[in-house]
């Protein structure tokens, strides 16, 4: 996760909005939230989306997730 956070620090400023159009495991979203960035994540596959959402919720981040299906 540290490498992802380092990259996010280089490409954006705190509270900017980032887009991950291939959500996958949710690591980009977690790293974004850990570095005080806002993030929109898109995942097409429902099974992957469910796992990604669990990963984000289990990452112990205080955030609100909106589920716009």
PDB file of N, CA and C in Angstrom:
ATOM      1  N   UNK A   1       0.826  -1.191   0.000  1.00  0.00           N
ATOM      2  CA  UNK A   1       0.000   0.000   0.000  1.00  0.00           C
ATOM      3  C   UNK A   1       0.870   1.254   0.000  1.00  0.00           C
ATOM      4  N   UNK A   2       2.040   1.181   0.608  1.00  0.00           N
ATOM      5  CA  UNK A   2       2.915   2.356   0.714  1.00  0.00           C
ATOM      6  C   UNK A   2       3.295   2.894  -0.657  1.00  0.00           C
ATOM      7  N   UNK A   3       3.633   2.016  -1.600  1.00  0.00           N
ATOM      8  CA  UNK A   3       4.005   2.481  -2.937  1.00  0.00           C
ATOM      9  C   UNK A   3       2.850   3.217  -3.610  1.00  0.00           C
ATOM     10  N   UNK A   4       1.641   2.676  -3.463  1.00  0.00           N
ATOM     11  CA  UNK A   4       0.471   3.330  -4.031  1.00  0.00           C
ATOM     12  C   UNK A   4       0.254   4.705  -3.430  1.00  0.00           C
ATOM     13  N   UNK A   5       0.433   4.811  -2.128  1.00  0.00           N
ATOM     14  CA  UNK A   5       0.282   6.102  -1.458  1.00  0.00           C
ATOM     15  C   UNK A   5       1.353   7.080  -1.923  1.00  0.00           C
ATOM     16  N   UNK A   6       2.580   6.597  -2.126  1.00  0.00           N
ATOM     17  CA  UNK A   6       3.658   7.465  -2.621  1.00  0.00           C
ATOM     18  C   UNK A   6       3.329   8.012  -4.005  1.00  0.00           C
ATOM     19  N   UNK A   7       2.793   7.151  -4.872  1.00  0.00           N
ATOM     20  CA  UNK A   7       2.424   7.587  -6.223  1.00  0.00           C
ATOM     21  C   UNK A   7       1.307   8.619  -6.160  1.00  0.00           C
ATOM     22  N   UNK A   8       0.321   8.366  -5.326  1.00  0.00           N
ATOM     23  CA  UNK A   8      -0.804   9.295  -5.199  1.00  0.00           C
ATOM     24  C   UNK A   8      -0.327  10.653  -4.680  1.00  0.00           C
ATOM     25  N   UNK A   9       0.635  10.650  -3.763  1.00  0.00           N
ATOM     26  CA  UNK A   9       1.209  11.911  -3.282  1.00  0.00           C
ATOM     27  C   UNK A   9       1.862  12.690  -4.428  1.00  0.00           C
ATOM     28  N   UNK A  10       2.468  11.971  -5.372  1.00  0.00           N
ATOM     29  CA  UNK A  10       3.159  12.623  -6.496  1.00  0.00           C
ATOM     30  C   UNK A  10       2.202  13.159  -7.553  1.00  0.00           C
ATOM     31  N   UNK A  11       1.050  12.526  -7.726  1.00  0.00           N
ATOM     32  CA  UNK A  11       0.172  12.901  -8.839  1.00  0.00           C
ATOM     33  C   UNK A  11      -1.010  13.777  -8.446  1.00  0.00           C
ATOM     34  N   UNK A  12      -1.189  14.006  -7.135  1.00  0.00           N
ATOM     35  CA  UNK A  12      -2.359  14.776  -6.727  1.00  0.00           C
ATOM     36  C   UNK A  12      -2.099  15.519  -5.423  1.00  0.00           C
ATOM     37  N   UNK A  13      -3.040  16.384  -5.099  1.00  0.00           N
ATOM     38  CA  UNK A  13      -2.984  17.151  -3.858  1.00  0.00           C
ATOM     39  C   UNK A  13      -4.105  16.667  -2.938  1.00  0.00           C
ATOM     40  N   UNK A  14      -3.953  16.887  -1.632  1.00  0.00           N
ATOM     41  CA  UNK A  14      -5.018  16.475  -0.710  1.00  0.00           C
ATOM     42  C   UNK A  14      -6.377  17.048  -1.114  1.00  0.00           C
ATOM     43  N   UNK A  15      -7.391  16.233  -0.944  1.00  0.00           N
ATOM     44  CA  UNK A  15      -8.797  16.557  -1.196  1.00  0.00           C
ATOM     45  C   UNK A  15      -9.145  16.679  -2.679  1.00  0.00           C
ATOM     46  N   UNK A  16      -8.212  16.375  -3.566  1.00  0.00           N
ATOM     47  CA  UNK A  16      -8.566  16.314  -4.986  1.00  0.00           C
ATOM     48  C   UNK A  16      -9.378  15.049  -5.244  1.00  0.00           C
ATOM     49  N   UNK A  17     -10.051  15.032  -6.375  1.00  0.00           N
ATOM     50  CA  UNK A  17     -10.874  13.896  -6.763  1.00  0.00           C
ATOM     51  C   UNK A  17     -10.106  13.026  -7.750  1.00  0.00           C
ATOM     52  N   UNK A  18      -9.963  11.748  -7.428  1.00  0.00           N
ATOM     53  CA  UNK A  18      -9.274  10.794  -8.287  1.00  0.00           C
ATOM     54  C   UNK A  18     -10.281   9.779  -8.813  1.00  0.00           C
ATOM     55  N   UNK A  19      -9.986   9.223  -9.985  1.00  0.00           N
ATOM     56  CA  UNK A  19     -10.867   8.249 -10.616  1.00  0.00           C
ATOM     57  C   UNK A  19     -10.109   6.953 -10.851  1.00  0.00           C
ATOM     58  N   UNK A  20     -10.693   5.852 -10.416  1.00  0.00           N
ATOM     59  CA  UNK A  20     -10.174   4.521 -10.711  1.00  0.00           C
ATOM     60  C   UNK A  20     -11.254   3.794 -11.494  1.00  0.00           C
ATOM     61  N   UNK A  21     -11.093   3.729 -12.815  1.00  0.00           N
ATOM     62  CA  UNK A  21     -12.142   3.138 -13.643  1.00  0.00           C
ATOM     63  C   UNK A  21     -12.052   1.616 -13.734  1.00  0.00           C
ATOM     64  N   UNK A  22     -11.044   1.032 -13.083  1.00  0.00           N
ATOM     65  CA  UNK A  22     -10.911  -0.422 -13.024  1.00  0.00           C
ATOM     66  C   UNK A  22     -10.659  -0.802 -11.570  1.00  0.00           C
ATOM     67  N   UNK A  23     -11.686  -0.770 -10.742  1.00  0.00           N
ATOM     68  CA  UNK A  23     -11.581  -0.881  -9.292  1.00  0.00           C
ATOM     69  C   UNK A  23     -10.817  -2.069  -8.757  1.00  0.00           C
ATOM     70  N   UNK A  24     -10.993  -3.238  -9.357  1.00  0.00           N
ATOM     71  CA  UNK A  24     -10.264  -4.431  -8.914  1.00  0.00           C
ATOM     72  C   UNK A  24     -10.412  -4.704  -7.433  1.00  0.00           C
ATOM     73  N   UNK A  25      -9.293  -4.803  -6.734  1.00  0.00           N
ATOM     74  CA  UNK A  25      -9.303  -5.133  -5.308  1.00  0.00           C
ATOM     75  C   UNK A  25      -9.592  -3.933  -4.417  1.00  0.00           C
ATOM     76  N   UNK A  26      -9.535  -2.730  -4.965  1.00  0.00           N
ATOM     77  CA  UNK A  26      -9.811  -1.527  -4.179  1.00  0.00           C
ATOM     78  C   UNK A  26      -8.581  -0.888  -3.567  1.00  0.00           C
ATOM     79  N   UNK A  27      -7.393  -1.402  -3.894  1.00  0.00           N
ATOM     80  CA  UNK A  27      -6.172  -0.856  -3.306  1.00  0.00           C
ATOM     81  C   UNK A  27      -5.970   0.617  -3.633  1.00  0.00           C
ATOM     82  N   UNK A  28      -6.298   1.024  -4.853  1.00  0.00           N
ATOM     83  CA  UNK A  28      -6.150   2.430  -5.226  1.00  0.00           C
ATOM     84  C   UNK A  28      -7.088   3.298  -4.391  1.00  0.00           C
ATOM     85  N   UNK A  29      -8.302   2.837  -4.183  1.00  0.00           N
ATOM     86  CA  UNK A  29      -9.263   3.591  -3.371  1.00  0.00           C
ATOM     87  C   UNK A  29      -8.777   3.710  -1.931  1.00  0.00           C
ATOM     88  N   UNK A  30      -8.275   2.630  -1.378  1.00  0.00           N
ATOM     89  CA  UNK A  30      -7.781   2.647  -0.007  1.00  0.00           C
ATOM     90  C   UNK A  30      -6.596   3.600   0.122  1.00  0.00           C
ATOM     91  N   UNK A  31      -5.664   3.508  -0.817  1.00  0.00           N
ATOM     92  CA  UNK A  31      -4.500   4.402  -0.782  1.00  0.00           C
ATOM     93  C   UNK A  31      -4.931   5.850  -0.945  1.00  0.00           C
ATOM     94  N   UNK A  32      -5.912   6.105  -1.794  1.00  0.00           N
ATOM     95  CA  UNK A  32      -6.418   7.467  -1.989  1.00  0.00           C
ATOM     96  C   UNK A  32      -7.025   8.008  -0.706  1.00  0.00           C
ATOM     97  N   UNK A  33      -7.849   7.226  -0.073  1.00  0.00           N
ATOM     98  CA  UNK A  33      -8.488   7.648   1.170  1.00  0.00           C
ATOM     99  C   UNK A  33      -7.470   7.813   2.296  1.00  0.00           C
ATOM    100  N   UNK A  34      -6.451   6.954   2.316  1.00  0.00           N
ATOM    101  CA  UNK A  34      -5.395   7.061   3.330  1.00  0.00           C
ATOM    102  C   UNK A  34      -4.587   8.351   3.182  1.00  0.00           C
ATOM    103  N   UNK A  35      -4.568   8.918   1.986  1.00  0.00           N
ATOM    104  CA  UNK A  35      -3.796  10.133   1.723  1.00  0.00           C
ATOM    105  C   UNK A  35      -4.694  11.357   1.575  1.00  0.00           C
ATOM    106  N   UNK A  36      -5.896  11.260   2.120  1.00  0.00           N
ATOM    107  CA  UNK A  36      -6.851  12.383   2.122  1.00  0.00           C
ATOM    108  C   UNK A  36      -7.247  12.848   0.723  1.00  0.00           C
ATOM    109  N   UNK A  37      -7.462  11.897  -0.166  1.00  0.00           N
ATOM    110  CA  UNK A  37      -7.986  12.202  -1.499  1.00  0.00           C
ATOM    111  C   UNK A  37      -9.404  11.649  -1.581  1.00  0.00           C
ATOM    112  N   UNK A  38     -10.218  12.289  -2.383  1.00  0.00           N
ATOM    113  CA  UNK A  38     -11.544  11.775  -2.694  1.00  0.00           C
ATOM    114  C   UNK A  38     -11.379  10.850  -3.893  1.00  0.00           C
ATOM    115  N   UNK A  39     -12.183   9.814  -3.968  1.00  0.00           N
ATOM    116  CA  UNK A  39     -11.995   8.857  -5.058  1.00  0.00           C
ATOM    117  C   UNK A  39     -13.341   8.319  -5.531  1.00  0.00           C
ATOM    118  N   UNK A  40     -13.439   8.166  -6.838  1.00  0.00           N
ATOM    119  CA  UNK A  40     -14.563   7.481  -7.475  1.00  0.00           C
ATOM    120  C   UNK A  40     -13.999   6.188  -8.051  1.00  0.00           C
ATOM    121  N   UNK A  41     -14.637   5.076  -7.730  1.00  0.00           N
ATOM    122  CA  UNK A  41     -14.169   3.771  -8.192  1.00  0.00           C
ATOM    123  C   UNK A  41     -15.267   3.111  -9.004  1.00  0.00           C
ATOM    124  N   UNK A  42     -14.886   2.582 -10.158  1.00  0.00           N
ATOM    125  CA  UNK A  42     -15.831   1.888 -11.032  1.00  0.00           C
ATOM    126  C   UNK A  42     -15.361   0.444 -11.188  1.00  0.00           C
ATOM    127  N   UNK A  43     -16.258  -0.479 -10.990  1.00  0.00           N
ATOM    128  CA  UNK A  43     -15.958  -1.893 -11.219  1.00  0.00           C
ATOM    129  C   UNK A  43     -17.158  -2.534 -11.893  1.00  0.00           C
ATOM    130  N   UNK A  44     -16.933  -3.123 -13.052  1.00  0.00           N
ATOM    131  CA  UNK A  44     -18.003  -3.699 -13.864  1.00  0.00           C
ATOM    132  C   UNK A  44     -18.483  -5.052 -13.348  1.00  0.00           C
ATOM    133  N   UNK A  45     -17.567  -5.876 -12.890  1.00  0.00           N
ATOM    134  CA  UNK A  45     -17.903  -7.229 -12.450  1.00  0.00           C
ATOM    135  C   UNK A  45     -18.487  -7.208 -11.040  1.00  0.00           C
ATOM    136  N   UNK A  46     -19.694  -7.729 -10.880  1.00  0.00           N
ATOM    137  CA  UNK A  46     -20.391  -7.653  -9.593  1.00  0.00           C
ATOM    138  C   UNK A  46     -19.656  -8.401  -8.486  1.00  0.00           C
ATOM    139  N   UNK A  47     -19.127  -9.573  -8.771  1.00  0.00           N
ATOM    140  CA  UNK A  47     -18.409 -10.352  -7.759  1.00  0.00           C
ATOM    141  C   UNK A  47     -17.152  -9.606  -7.293  1.00  0.00           C
ATOM    142  N   UNK A  48     -16.412  -9.050  -8.236  1.00  0.00           N
ATOM    143  CA  UNK A  48     -15.222  -8.271  -7.893  1.00  0.00           C
ATOM    144  C   UNK A  48     -15.607  -7.034  -7.110  1.00  0.00           C
ATOM    145  N   UNK A  49     -16.715  -6.387  -7.501  1.00  0.00           N
ATOM    146  CA  UNK A  49     -17.203  -5.199  -6.796  1.00  0.00           C
ATOM    147  C   UNK A  49     -17.490  -5.510  -5.327  1.00  0.00           C
ATOM    148  N   UNK A  50     -18.143  -6.638  -5.068  1.00  0.00           N
ATOM    149  CA  UNK A  50     -18.488  -7.016  -3.699  1.00  0.00           C
ATOM    150  C   UNK A  50     -17.219  -7.227  -2.868  1.00  0.00           C
ATOM    151  N   UNK A  51     -16.232  -7.924  -3.439  1.00  0.00           N
ATOM    152  CA  UNK A  51     -14.960  -8.152  -2.738  1.00  0.00           C
ATOM    153  C   UNK A  51     -14.231  -6.830  -2.507  1.00  0.00           C
ATOM    154  N   UNK A  52     -14.241  -5.955  -3.521  1.00  0.00           N
ATOM    155  CA  UNK A  52     -13.579  -4.658  -3.402  1.00  0.00           C
ATOM    156  C   UNK A  52     -14.214  -3.835  -2.288  1.00  0.00           C
ATOM    157  N   UNK A  53     -15.532  -3.819  -2.245  1.00  0.00           N
ATOM    158  CA  UNK A  53     -16.239  -3.048  -1.220  1.00  0.00           C
ATOM    159  C   UNK A  53     -15.886  -3.563   0.172  1.00  0.00           C
ATOM    160  N   UNK A  54     -15.818  -4.889   0.342  1.00  0.00           N
ATOM    161  CA  UNK A  54     -15.423  -5.475   1.620  1.00  0.00           C
ATOM    162  C   UNK A  54     -14.004  -5.055   1.996  1.00  0.00           C
ATOM    163  N   UNK A  55     -13.088  -5.076   1.018  1.00  0.00           N
ATOM    164  CA  UNK A  55     -11.704  -4.667   1.276  1.00  0.00           C
ATOM    165  C   UNK A  55     -11.645  -3.221   1.763  1.00  0.00           C
ATOM    166  N   UNK A  56     -12.402  -2.353   1.124  1.00  0.00           N
ATOM    167  CA  UNK A  56     -12.394  -0.941   1.506  1.00  0.00           C
ATOM    168  C   UNK A  56     -12.988  -0.773   2.895  1.00  0.00           C
ATOM    169  N   UNK A  57     -14.101  -1.424   3.162  1.00  0.00           N
ATOM    170  CA  UNK A  57     -14.735  -1.309   4.478  1.00  0.00           C
ATOM    171  C   UNK A  57     -13.855  -1.884   5.586  1.00  0.00           C
ATOM    172  N   UNK A  58     -13.109  -2.934   5.273  1.00  0.00           N
ATOM    173  CA  UNK A  58     -12.240  -3.569   6.265  1.00  0.00           C
ATOM    174  C   UNK A  58     -10.903  -2.858   6.441  1.00  0.00           C
ATOM    175  N   UNK A  59     -10.662  -1.842   5.654  1.00  0.00           N
ATOM    176  CA  UNK A  59      -9.375  -1.143   5.739  1.00  0.00           C
ATOM    177  C   UNK A  59      -9.338  -0.154   6.898  1.00  0.00           C
ATOM    178  N   UNK A  60     -10.403  -0.101   7.685  1.00  0.00           N
ATOM    179  CA  UNK A  60     -10.528   0.757   8.871  1.00  0.00           C
ATOM    180  C   UNK A  60     -10.419   2.242   8.545  1.00  0.00           C
ATOM    181  N   UNK A  61     -10.983   2.627   7.438  1.00  0.00           N
ATOM    182  CA  UNK A  61     -11.024   4.030   7.043  1.00  0.00           C
ATOM    183  C   UNK A  61     -12.385   4.584   7.431  1.00  0.00           C
ATOM    184  N   UNK A  62     -12.390   5.769   8.026  1.00  0.00           N
ATOM    185  CA  UNK A  62     -13.642   6.447   8.368  1.00  0.00           C
ATOM    186  C   UNK A  62     -14.152   7.165   7.129  1.00  0.00           C
ATOM    187  N   UNK A  63     -15.050   6.545   6.423  1.00  0.00           N
ATOM    188  CA  UNK A  63     -15.574   7.167   5.203  1.00  0.00           C
ATOM    189  C   UNK A  63     -16.968   6.654   4.938  1.00  0.00           C
ATOM    190  N   UNK A  64     -17.653   7.339   4.079  1.00  0.00           N
ATOM    191  CA  UNK A  64     -18.987   6.926   3.688  1.00  0.00           C
ATOM    192  C   UNK A  64     -18.925   6.417   2.259  1.00  0.00           C
ATOM    193  N   UNK A  65     -19.448   5.235   2.042  1.00  0.00           N
ATOM    194  CA  UNK A  65     -19.507   4.669   0.700  1.00  0.00           C
ATOM    195  C   UNK A  65     -20.924   4.785   0.177  1.00  0.00           C
ATOM    196  N   UNK A  66     -21.052   5.300  -1.012  1.00  0.00           N
ATOM    197  CA  UNK A  66     -22.359   5.344  -1.658  1.00  0.00           C
ATOM    198  C   UNK A  66     -22.405   4.213  -2.652  1.00  0.00           C
ATOM    199  N   UNK A  67     -23.487   3.499  -2.655  1.00  0.00           N
ATOM    200  CA  UNK A  67     -23.650   2.345  -3.524  1.00  0.00           C
ATOM    201  C   UNK A  67     -24.662   2.706  -4.594  1.00  0.00           C
ATOM    202  N   UNK A  68     -24.192   3.203  -5.732  1.00  0.00           N
ATOM    203  CA  UNK A  68     -25.079   3.618  -6.812  1.00  0.00           C
ATOM    204  C   UNK A  68     -25.106   2.549  -7.884  1.00  0.00           C
ATOM    205  N   UNK A  69     -25.924   1.547  -7.665  1.00  0.00           N
ATOM    206  CA  UNK A  69     -26.007   0.435  -8.631  1.00  0.00           C
ATOM    207  C   UNK A  69     -27.066   0.710  -9.663  1.00  0.00           C
TER     208      UNK A  69
END
